[in-house]
Amino acid sequence: LEDRIIAGSLQVTRGTEIYERHIGMADEGESRPNHHQTSFMVASNGKQFTATAILKLVEREKLQLETPVTELIPELKTALWTVDGEAATVHHLLTHSAGTPNAYDTEAIEERLFRTELTAADFITAIIDLPLQFKPGSDFAYSNTGYILLGEIIRRVAGVSYSDFLTLDLWPPLGMVFTSVGRPCCNREYALPYLDVAEQGKVNYLDHYDIRYRHDGEYFSDGNVYSSTRDMTKWIQNLVGGEVLDRGLTKKMFRDYGHGYGYGWGMAKLTGQRDYYYHTGGWIGYQSEIVYLPSEDVTIVWLVNYGEKGDLATRVLELF
């Protein structure tokens, strides 16, 4: 870390042992440094919350993983969401194996992203006439759009917004008070994203790119959660410990369904063939990397608001 030009927060936990390191400023204008309560956008690391919410609905017998997507979102056309007799299901969305069309690549979304508020209906409309990329279950294509559809499924099945499901159902039992959806927590303990620009130096990422809407809405369930290192550590330890979901569904979440991916988590192996779980994220100037090594009960949370995160978390993991 000493050799990096970077700002962020790192927490490494093994059992009851905790190492924390906080670097640089959360807010340059207010000279406010990063620390253990600072909230960062975790970007695609938010997919684990979306996956957990889906599994919580399964646990409550309100949803089945084998249910076709078009039964839950009937605006989507069955003919386009079925290939060679195989319908895209909730399981396929969770594992990025549905072949979901990419709404972010459509003109309808590209023209409005960051400029106006978007809803799930806008994403559904953008792909409504597009076919799947492949037969569901036959391949892997990482899909942010697929996780936006999962957020809409949560809303329709649970009868509450995606944000309310997370903030009123999943997080309160764990005391995750520095975690929020869409915008940083109201406590002002959040990090602004920065980048270096030639002849200008270090500038606010959001101002530089004139980002007016930064995944604020209910509908960006592909990764619009803000959290702190301590809250994310607390979340992961409770999740892997079977305190969030029942043991059977927890095992389903961390199972490799092919291509090194489960439900909102990636799977890989360290030297010596030890399994670990991980995810990375990057969006509007924020970066994140989270890993968990079951054999040593090691959790690493690395959240960055300036500079390149690199592979620090996985390099630290190799030390155990």
Protein backbone atom coordinates (compact mmCIF):
# COMPACT_ATOMS: atom_id res chain seq x y z
CA LEU A 1 0.00 0.00 0.00
CA GLU A 2 2.87 2.36 0.69
CA ASP A 3 3.78 2.36 -3.01
CA ARG A 4 0.28 3.12 -4.25
CA ILE A 5 -1.41 6.44 -4.99
CA ILE A 6 -4.76 5.42 -3.66
CA ALA A 7 -7.58 6.16 -1.22
CA GLY A 8 -9.71 3.49 0.39
CA SER A 9 -10.37 1.20 3.34
CA LEU A 10 -9.14 -2.33 3.97
CA GLN A 11 -10.25 -4.83 6.59
CA VAL A 12 -8.78 -8.31 7.03
CA THR A 13 -10.47 -10.61 9.55
CA ARG A 14 -9.52 -14.13 10.66
CA GLY A 15 -11.81 -15.44 13.34
CA THR A 16 -11.63 -12.76 16.06
CA GLU A 17 -8.40 -11.22 14.72
CA ILE A 18 -8.91 -7.94 12.86
CA TYR A 19 -6.54 -5.80 10.80
CA GLU A 20 -7.74 -2.43 9.47
CA ARG A 21 -6.05 0.14 7.26
CA HIS A 22 -7.65 3.36 6.02
CA ILE A 23 -5.88 5.47 3.41
CA GLY A 24 -6.46 8.91 1.96
CA MET A 25 -9.46 11.18 1.91
CA ALA A 26 -13.14 10.35 1.69
CA ASP A 27 -13.84 14.00 0.88
CA GLU A 28 -11.02 16.27 -0.28
CA GLY A 29 -13.10 19.44 0.08
CA GLU A 30 -13.89 18.78 3.74
CA SER A 31 -10.53 17.13 4.52
CA ARG A 32 -12.47 14.13 5.78
CA PRO A 33 -10.36 10.93 5.85
CA ASN A 34 -11.51 7.40 5.13
CA HIS A 35 -12.13 5.27 8.22
CA HIS A 36 -14.03 2.18 9.40
CA GLN A 37 -17.45 3.84 9.14
CA THR A 38 -16.92 5.33 5.67
CA SER A 39 -19.44 4.08 3.12
CA PHE A 40 -18.30 3.34 -0.45
CA MET A 41 -20.34 2.16 -3.41
CA VAL A 42 -19.52 -1.55 -3.61
CA ALA A 43 -20.80 -1.76 -7.22
CA SER A 44 -21.14 -5.38 -8.40
CA ASN A 45 -20.45 -6.68 -4.91
CA GLY A 46 -24.06 -5.65 -4.36
CA LYS A 47 -25.13 -8.65 -6.45
CA GLN A 48 -24.71 -10.85 -3.38
CA PHE A 49 -27.49 -8.87 -1.68
CA THR A 50 -29.79 -9.31 -4.67
CA ALA A 51 -29.06 -13.05 -4.75
CA THR A 52 -29.63 -13.33 -1.01
CA ALA A 53 -32.97 -11.54 -1.26
CA ILE A 54 -34.07 -13.99 -3.97
CA LEU A 55 -33.02 -16.94 -1.81
CA LYS A 56 -34.83 -15.44 1.18
CA LEU A 57 -38.03 -15.46 -0.90
CA VAL A 58 -37.32 -19.08 -1.81
CA GLU A 59 -36.82 -19.86 1.89
CA ARG A 60 -40.23 -18.32 2.61
CA GLU A 61 -41.78 -20.42 -0.18
CA LYS A 62 -42.81 -17.36 -2.17
CA LEU A 63 -40.57 -18.16 -5.13
CA GLN A 64 -38.92 -21.10 -6.86
CA LEU A 65 -35.54 -21.04 -8.56
CA GLU A 66 -36.90 -23.08 -11.48
CA THR A 67 -39.69 -20.58 -12.27
CA PRO A 68 -39.41 -19.16 -15.83
CA VAL A 69 -38.60 -15.46 -15.91
CA THR A 70 -41.57 -14.76 -18.21
CA GLU A 71 -44.00 -16.06 -15.56
CA LEU A 72 -42.70 -13.43 -13.16
CA ILE A 73 -42.22 -10.64 -15.71
CA PRO A 74 -44.92 -11.43 -18.32
CA GLU A 75 -44.04 -8.35 -20.41
CA LEU A 76 -41.06 -10.37 -21.65
CA LYS A 77 -41.98 -12.64 -24.52
CA THR A 78 -41.92 -16.38 -23.88
CA ALA A 79 -40.93 -17.07 -27.48
CA LEU A 80 -37.81 -14.92 -27.13
CA TRP A 81 -36.94 -16.22 -23.64
CA THR A 82 -37.05 -19.89 -24.64
CA VAL A 83 -34.40 -21.53 -26.83
CA ASP A 84 -34.70 -25.12 -28.06
CA GLY A 85 -37.39 -25.75 -25.47
CA GLU A 86 -35.29 -24.41 -22.56
CA ALA A 87 -36.85 -21.43 -20.76
CA ALA A 88 -34.71 -18.91 -18.89
CA THR A 89 -35.38 -19.25 -15.14
CA VAL A 90 -34.55 -17.39 -11.93
CA HIS A 91 -31.63 -19.80 -11.45
CA HIS A 92 -30.26 -18.84 -14.87
CA LEU A 93 -30.41 -15.13 -14.02
CA LEU A 94 -28.58 -15.70 -10.73
CA THR A 95 -25.78 -17.65 -12.41
CA HIS A 96 -25.42 -15.43 -15.50
CA SER A 97 -26.40 -18.39 -17.67
CA ALA A 98 -29.70 -17.07 -19.06
CA GLY A 99 -28.21 -15.36 -22.10
CA THR A 100 -29.96 -12.13 -21.10
CA PRO A 101 -29.76 -9.33 -23.71
CA ASN A 102 -27.65 -6.38 -22.56
CA ALA A 103 -29.93 -3.38 -21.96
CA TYR A 104 -26.93 -1.14 -21.25
CA ASP A 105 -25.86 -1.54 -24.89
CA THR A 106 -29.22 -0.36 -26.24
CA GLU A 107 -29.71 3.19 -27.48
CA ALA A 108 -32.70 3.61 -25.17
CA ILE A 109 -30.53 3.15 -22.06
CA GLU A 110 -27.24 4.62 -23.32
CA GLU A 111 -28.88 7.96 -24.12
CA ARG A 112 -30.41 8.31 -20.64
CA LEU A 113 -27.89 6.66 -18.32
CA PHE A 114 -26.57 9.20 -15.77
CA ARG A 115 -28.73 11.93 -17.34
CA THR A 116 -32.28 11.03 -16.26
CA GLU A 117 -33.86 8.70 -13.73
CA LEU A 118 -34.32 5.15 -15.03
CA THR A 119 -36.71 2.46 -13.85
CA ALA A 120 -36.93 -1.31 -14.24
CA ALA A 121 -39.65 -0.72 -16.83
CA ASP A 122 -37.13 1.20 -18.96
CA PHE A 123 -34.73 -1.76 -18.91
CA ILE A 124 -37.50 -4.24 -19.69
CA THR A 125 -38.71 -2.09 -22.60
CA ALA A 126 -35.14 -1.81 -23.92
CA ILE A 127 -34.81 -5.59 -24.31
CA ILE A 128 -38.42 -6.57 -24.88
CA ASP A 129 -37.91 -7.42 -28.57
CA LEU A 130 -34.41 -8.87 -28.22
CA PRO A 131 -33.74 -12.63 -28.19
CA LEU A 132 -31.58 -14.47 -25.67
CA GLN A 133 -27.90 -14.71 -26.60
CA PHE A 134 -27.85 -18.50 -26.19
CA LYS A 135 -29.82 -21.46 -24.87
CA PRO A 136 -30.28 -20.98 -21.11
CA GLY A 137 -27.81 -23.04 -19.11
CA SER A 138 -25.55 -23.75 -22.08
CA ASP A 139 -23.08 -20.89 -21.58
CA PHE A 140 -22.04 -18.01 -19.31
CA ALA A 141 -22.29 -14.28 -20.00
CA TYR A 142 -21.94 -11.91 -17.05
CA SER A 143 -25.13 -9.87 -17.05
CA ASN A 144 -25.92 -6.70 -15.14
CA THR A 145 -29.27 -6.60 -16.90
CA GLY A 146 -30.09 -10.04 -15.52
CA TYR A 147 -29.60 -8.77 -11.98
CA ILE A 148 -31.80 -5.75 -12.68
CA LEU A 149 -34.52 -8.21 -13.65
CA LEU A 150 -33.92 -10.07 -10.37
CA GLY A 151 -34.50 -6.83 -8.48
CA GLU A 152 -37.82 -6.40 -10.27
CA ILE A 153 -38.75 -9.98 -9.41
CA ILE A 154 -38.03 -9.22 -5.75
CA ARG A 155 -40.33 -6.19 -5.91
CA ARG A 156 -43.17 -8.08 -7.55
CA VAL A 157 -42.98 -11.19 -5.39
CA ALA A 158 -42.27 -9.52 -2.04
CA GLY A 159 -44.66 -6.63 -2.60
CA VAL A 160 -42.09 -4.08 -1.38
CA SER A 161 -39.32 -2.19 -3.13
CA TYR A 162 -35.86 -3.68 -3.56
CA SER A 163 -34.49 -1.03 -1.22
CA ASP A 164 -37.07 -1.72 1.48
CA PHE A 165 -36.47 -5.47 1.31
CA LEU A 166 -32.77 -4.97 1.99
CA THR A 167 -32.95 -2.10 4.47
CA LEU A 168 -35.96 -3.34 6.46
CA ASP A 169 -35.56 -7.11 6.17
CA LEU A 170 -31.99 -8.29 5.51
CA TRP A 171 -29.76 -5.74 7.23
CA PRO A 172 -31.41 -4.66 10.54
CA PRO A 173 -30.83 -8.00 12.35
CA LEU A 174 -27.11 -7.60 11.65
CA GLY A 175 -26.84 -3.98 12.73
CA MET A 176 -25.56 -2.79 9.34
CA VAL A 177 -26.12 0.91 10.01
CA PHE A 178 -23.59 2.17 7.45
CA THR A 179 -25.14 0.31 4.51
CA SER A 180 -27.76 1.73 2.15
CA VAL A 181 -29.26 1.43 -1.34
CA GLY A 182 -28.94 4.05 -4.07
CA ARG A 183 -27.27 6.81 -2.08
CA PRO A 184 -24.79 6.89 0.80
CA CYS A 185 -26.09 6.72 4.34
CA CYS A 186 -27.56 9.87 5.86
CA ASN A 187 -24.69 10.08 8.37
CA ARG A 188 -22.46 11.83 5.79
CA GLU A 189 -19.72 9.30 6.49
CA TYR A 190 -19.29 8.40 2.84
CA ALA A 191 -16.50 8.55 0.30
CA LEU A 192 -16.63 10.62 -2.87
CA PRO A 193 -14.97 9.10 -5.98
CA TYR A 194 -11.93 10.80 -7.48
CA LEU A 195 -9.66 10.48 -10.52
CA ASP A 196 -6.61 12.23 -11.93
CA VAL A 197 -7.10 14.45 -14.98
CA ALA A 198 -4.23 15.96 -16.98
CA GLU A 199 -3.60 19.62 -16.10
CA GLN A 200 -6.33 19.50 -13.46
CA GLY A 201 -4.97 16.97 -11.00
CA LYS A 202 -7.29 15.12 -8.65
CA VAL A 203 -10.96 15.85 -9.40
CA ASN A 204 -14.36 14.59 -8.34
CA TYR A 205 -15.33 11.77 -10.72
CA LEU A 206 -19.05 12.62 -10.63
CA ASP A 207 -18.49 16.29 -11.43
CA HIS A 208 -15.92 15.57 -14.15
CA TYR A 209 -18.28 13.30 -16.09
CA ASP A 210 -21.41 15.32 -15.22
CA ILE A 211 -23.07 12.30 -13.62
CA ARG A 212 -26.40 13.57 -12.35
CA TYR A 213 -28.01 10.21 -11.60
CA ARG A 214 -25.56 7.72 -10.17
CA HIS A 215 -27.56 4.53 -9.80
CA ASP A 216 -29.71 6.33 -7.23
CA GLY A 217 -32.94 4.52 -8.01
CA GLU A 218 -34.62 1.42 -6.71
CA TYR A 219 -33.95 -0.39 -9.92
CA PHE A 220 -30.20 -0.79 -10.15
CA SER A 221 -30.12 -4.11 -8.30
CA ASP A 222 -27.01 -5.06 -10.30
CA GLY A 223 -24.91 -3.01 -7.86
CA ASN A 224 -26.07 0.20 -6.18
CA VAL A 225 -25.31 -0.56 -2.52
CA TYR A 226 -23.08 1.62 -0.36
CA SER A 227 -21.36 0.01 2.62
CA SER A 228 -18.35 0.17 4.94
CA THR A 229 -15.58 -2.35 5.54
CA ARG A 230 -16.95 -3.29 8.95
CA ASP A 231 -20.53 -3.69 7.70
CA MET A 232 -19.44 -5.84 4.75
CA THR A 233 -17.30 -8.00 7.03
CA LYS A 234 -20.24 -8.40 9.41
CA TRP A 235 -22.48 -9.34 6.48
CA ILE A 236 -20.12 -11.96 5.06
CA GLN A 237 -19.42 -13.61 8.40
CA ASN A 238 -23.14 -13.93 9.12
CA LEU A 239 -23.90 -15.10 5.59
CA VAL A 240 -21.29 -17.88 5.48
CA GLY A 241 -22.17 -18.80 9.07
CA GLY A 242 -25.75 -19.62 8.09
CA GLU A 243 -27.26 -16.74 10.07
CA VAL A 244 -28.88 -15.03 7.07
CA LEU A 245 -30.23 -18.01 5.10
CA ASP A 246 -30.85 -21.60 6.11
CA ARG A 247 -27.88 -23.93 5.66
CA GLY A 248 -29.24 -25.58 2.53
CA LEU A 249 -29.73 -22.30 0.67
CA THR A 250 -26.38 -21.00 1.91
CA LYS A 251 -24.73 -24.02 0.31
CA LYS A 252 -26.62 -23.34 -2.92
CA MET A 253 -25.33 -19.76 -2.96
CA PHE A 254 -21.68 -20.86 -2.72
CA ARG A 255 -21.89 -23.74 -5.17
CA ASP A 256 -20.10 -23.48 -8.52
CA TYR A 257 -22.74 -23.93 -11.22
CA GLY A 258 -20.14 -23.75 -13.96
CA HIS A 259 -17.73 -21.06 -15.12
CA GLY A 260 -16.69 -20.36 -11.52
CA TYR A 261 -19.89 -18.65 -10.42
CA GLY A 262 -22.62 -19.36 -7.88
CA TYR A 263 -25.42 -17.03 -6.79
CA GLY A 264 -23.87 -13.56 -6.64
CA TRP A 265 -20.39 -14.92 -5.84
CA GLY A 266 -17.43 -16.13 -7.84
CA MET A 267 -15.44 -19.25 -6.91
CA ALA A 268 -11.72 -19.92 -7.39
CA LYS A 269 -8.80 -21.85 -5.90
CA LEU A 270 -5.62 -20.74 -4.17
CA THR A 271 -2.29 -22.52 -4.31
CA GLY A 272 -2.82 -25.89 -2.71
CA GLN A 273 -6.31 -26.15 -4.21
CA ARG A 274 -7.99 -24.31 -1.35
CA ASP A 275 -11.38 -22.92 -2.40
CA TYR A 276 -12.24 -19.28 -1.86
CA TYR A 277 -15.21 -17.07 -2.73
CA TYR A 278 -14.84 -13.59 -4.20
CA HIS A 279 -16.37 -10.75 -6.15
CA THR A 280 -15.08 -7.50 -7.58
CA GLY A 281 -16.87 -4.30 -8.48
CA GLY A 282 -16.25 -1.03 -10.25
CA TRP A 283 -18.60 1.82 -11.12
CA ILE A 284 -18.49 5.63 -11.38
CA GLY A 285 -15.07 5.88 -9.78
CA TYR A 286 -15.56 3.35 -6.97
CA GLN A 287 -13.86 -0.06 -6.86
CA SER A 288 -14.25 -3.01 -4.54
CA GLU A 289 -12.86 -6.48 -3.97
CA ILE A 290 -14.19 -8.92 -1.39
CA VAL A 291 -12.88 -12.43 -0.73
CA TYR A 292 -13.58 -15.18 1.78
CA LEU A 293 -11.36 -18.20 2.48
CA PRO A 294 -13.44 -20.88 4.27
CA SER A 295 -10.50 -23.07 5.35
CA GLU A 296 -9.02 -20.24 7.45
CA ASP A 297 -12.21 -18.25 8.09
CA VAL A 298 -10.55 -15.22 6.49
CA THR A 299 -12.59 -12.29 5.18
CA ILE A 300 -10.98 -9.46 3.21
CA VAL A 301 -12.89 -6.30 2.27
CA TRP A 302 -11.10 -3.72 0.11
CA LEU A 303 -13.05 -0.58 -0.87
CA VAL A 304 -11.49 2.17 -2.99
CA ASN A 305 -12.56 5.69 -4.00
CA TYR A 306 -9.36 6.82 -5.75
CA GLY A 307 -6.67 4.98 -7.70
CA GLU A 308 -6.53 1.37 -8.85
CA LYS A 309 -7.46 -1.36 -6.39
CA GLY A 310 -5.29 -3.93 -8.19
CA ASP A 311 -5.36 -7.48 -6.84
CA LEU A 312 -4.53 -6.56 -3.25
CA ALA A 313 -7.24 -8.69 -1.61
CA THR A 314 -6.30 -11.90 -3.41
CA ARG A 315 -2.59 -11.22 -2.79
CA VAL A 316 -3.27 -10.83 0.94
CA LEU A 317 -5.28 -14.05 0.83
CA GLU A 318 -2.20 -15.93 -0.44
CA LEU A 319 -0.50 -15.14 2.90
CA PHE A 320 -2.82 -17.49 4.78
